[in-house]
Amino acid sequence: MTREEQLKQLASSLQAAIAKARQLDLPTSAYILSLALVEVSQTIEAELRGQADSE
């Protein structure tokens, strides 16, 4: 599994955790998980840009 695939899998897991936190009425947990999701999403975008730049 590539790093990109691992990051996408992590993003998917974070999205599921955010949904569960919201369902359980845990807004602070949902917020913190959302911050983690932003970081992972930005990392994915940066790596994709880096791949495009090197081609």
N, C-alpha and C. Protein backbone atom coordinates (compact mmCIF):
# COMPACT_ATOMS: atom_id res chain seq x y z
N MET A 1 0.86 -1.18 0.00
CA MET A 1 0.00 0.00 0.00
C MET A 1 0.90 1.24 0.00
N THR A 2 0.62 2.15 -0.91
CA THR A 2 1.43 3.37 -1.02
C THR A 2 1.08 4.35 0.10
N ARG A 3 1.94 5.32 0.28
CA ARG A 3 1.69 6.36 1.29
C ARG A 3 0.39 7.10 0.96
N GLU A 4 0.18 7.39 -0.32
CA GLU A 4 -1.04 8.09 -0.72
C GLU A 4 -2.28 7.27 -0.36
N GLU A 5 -2.23 5.98 -0.61
CA GLU A 5 -3.35 5.11 -0.26
C GLU A 5 -3.57 5.07 1.25
N GLN A 6 -2.48 5.04 2.01
CA GLN A 6 -2.59 5.04 3.46
C GLN A 6 -3.21 6.33 3.97
N LEU A 7 -2.81 7.45 3.39
CA LEU A 7 -3.37 8.74 3.78
C LEU A 7 -4.86 8.81 3.44
N LYS A 8 -5.23 8.30 2.28
CA LYS A 8 -6.64 8.30 1.90
C LYS A 8 -7.46 7.40 2.82
N GLN A 9 -6.88 6.28 3.23
CA GLN A 9 -7.55 5.39 4.17
C GLN A 9 -7.72 6.08 5.53
N LEU A 10 -6.68 6.79 5.96
CA LEU A 10 -6.76 7.54 7.21
C LEU A 10 -7.84 8.61 7.13
N ALA A 11 -7.91 9.32 6.01
CA ALA A 11 -8.95 10.34 5.83
C ALA A 11 -10.34 9.73 5.92
N SER A 12 -10.50 8.58 5.32
CA SER A 12 -11.80 7.89 5.37
C SER A 12 -12.15 7.50 6.81
N SER A 13 -11.17 7.00 7.54
CA SER A 13 -11.40 6.62 8.94
C SER A 13 -11.76 7.83 9.79
N LEU A 14 -11.08 8.94 9.52
CA LEU A 14 -11.38 10.17 10.25
C LEU A 14 -12.79 10.66 9.95
N GLN A 15 -13.20 10.57 8.70
CA GLN A 15 -14.57 10.98 8.34
C GLN A 15 -15.60 10.14 9.08
N ALA A 16 -15.34 8.84 9.18
CA ALA A 16 -16.27 7.96 9.91
C ALA A 16 -16.28 8.30 11.39
N ALA A 17 -15.11 8.60 11.95
CA ALA A 17 -15.03 8.96 13.37
C ALA A 17 -15.73 10.28 13.64
N ILE A 18 -15.62 11.23 12.73
CA ILE A 18 -16.31 12.52 12.88
C ILE A 18 -17.82 12.30 12.88
N ALA A 19 -18.30 11.49 11.95
CA ALA A 19 -19.73 11.20 11.89
C ALA A 19 -20.21 10.54 13.18
N LYS A 20 -19.43 9.61 13.71
CA LYS A 20 -19.81 8.93 14.95
C LYS A 20 -19.79 9.90 16.12
N ALA A 21 -18.80 10.78 16.19
CA ALA A 21 -18.72 11.76 17.27
C ALA A 21 -19.93 12.70 17.22
N ARG A 22 -20.33 13.10 16.04
CA ARG A 22 -21.52 13.95 15.90
C ARG A 22 -22.77 13.20 16.33
N GLN A 23 -22.87 11.93 15.94
CA GLN A 23 -24.01 11.11 16.31
C GLN A 23 -24.11 10.96 17.83
N LEU A 24 -22.96 10.88 18.49
CA LEU A 24 -22.93 10.73 19.95
C LEU A 24 -22.96 12.07 20.67
N ASP A 25 -23.16 13.15 19.91
CA ASP A 25 -23.22 14.51 20.47
C ASP A 25 -21.95 14.86 21.24
N LEU A 26 -20.81 14.66 20.56
CA LEU A 26 -19.51 15.00 21.11
C LEU A 26 -18.85 16.06 20.22
N PRO A 27 -19.32 17.31 20.33
CA PRO A 27 -18.86 18.34 19.39
C PRO A 27 -17.36 18.65 19.49
N THR A 28 -16.80 18.59 20.68
CA THR A 28 -15.37 18.87 20.81
C THR A 28 -14.55 17.79 20.12
N SER A 29 -14.95 16.55 20.29
CA SER A 29 -14.26 15.44 19.62
C SER A 29 -14.39 15.57 18.11
N ALA A 30 -15.58 15.90 17.64
CA ALA A 30 -15.79 16.08 16.20
C ALA A 30 -14.91 17.20 15.66
N TYR A 31 -14.78 18.28 16.41
CA TYR A 31 -13.94 19.41 15.99
C TYR A 31 -12.47 18.99 15.90
N ILE A 32 -11.98 18.32 16.92
CA ILE A 32 -10.58 17.90 16.93
C ILE A 32 -10.30 16.92 15.79
N LEU A 33 -11.21 15.98 15.58
CA LEU A 33 -11.05 15.05 14.46
C LEU A 33 -11.09 15.78 13.13
N SER A 34 -11.91 16.82 13.03
CA SER A 34 -11.98 17.62 11.81
C SER A 34 -10.65 18.31 11.52
N LEU A 35 -9.98 18.78 12.57
CA LEU A 35 -8.67 19.39 12.40
C LEU A 35 -7.67 18.37 11.87
N ALA A 36 -7.73 17.16 12.40
CA ALA A 36 -6.85 16.09 11.91
C ALA A 36 -7.14 15.79 10.45
N LEU A 37 -8.42 15.77 10.09
CA LEU A 37 -8.80 15.51 8.70
C LEU A 37 -8.27 16.60 7.76
N VAL A 38 -8.30 17.84 8.20
CA VAL A 38 -7.75 18.93 7.39
C VAL A 38 -6.27 18.71 7.16
N GLU A 39 -5.55 18.34 8.20
CA GLU A 39 -4.11 18.11 8.07
C GLU A 39 -3.82 16.98 7.08
N VAL A 40 -4.56 15.89 7.19
CA VAL A 40 -4.36 14.75 6.29
C VAL A 40 -4.71 15.16 4.86
N SER A 41 -5.80 15.88 4.67
CA SER A 41 -6.21 16.33 3.34
C SER A 41 -5.16 17.24 2.71
N GLN A 42 -4.61 18.14 3.50
CA GLN A 42 -3.57 19.04 3.00
C GLN A 42 -2.31 18.27 2.62
N THR A 43 -1.98 17.25 3.40
CA THR A 43 -0.82 16.42 3.10
C THR A 43 -1.02 15.67 1.79
N ILE A 44 -2.21 15.13 1.60
CA ILE A 44 -2.52 14.43 0.35
C ILE A 44 -2.37 15.39 -0.84
N GLU A 45 -2.96 16.58 -0.72
CA GLU A 45 -2.88 17.57 -1.81
C GLU A 45 -1.44 17.96 -2.10
N ALA A 46 -0.65 18.17 -1.05
CA ALA A 46 0.75 18.57 -1.23
C ALA A 46 1.54 17.46 -1.93
N GLU A 47 1.28 16.23 -1.55
CA GLU A 47 1.99 15.12 -2.18
C GLU A 47 1.57 14.95 -3.63
N LEU A 48 0.30 15.17 -3.93
CA LEU A 48 -0.16 15.09 -5.32
C LEU A 48 0.45 16.21 -6.16
N ARG A 49 0.56 17.41 -5.58
CA ARG A 49 1.21 18.53 -6.28
C ARG A 49 2.67 18.21 -6.53
N GLY A 50 3.32 17.62 -5.54
CA GLY A 50 4.72 17.25 -5.68
C GLY A 50 4.93 16.23 -6.78
N GLN A 51 4.02 15.28 -6.90
CA GLN A 51 4.11 14.28 -7.97
C GLN A 51 3.90 14.93 -9.33
N ALA A 52 2.95 15.86 -9.41
CA ALA A 52 2.67 16.54 -10.67
C ALA A 52 3.85 17.40 -11.09
N ASP A 53 4.50 18.04 -10.10
CA ASP A 53 5.64 18.90 -10.40
C ASP A 53 6.84 18.10 -10.90
N SER A 54 6.99 16.87 -10.41
CA SER A 54 8.15 16.07 -10.79
C SER A 54 7.96 15.36 -12.13
N GLU A 55 6.77 15.42 -12.69
CA GLU A 55 6.52 14.77 -13.99
C GLU A 55 6.86 15.67 -15.15
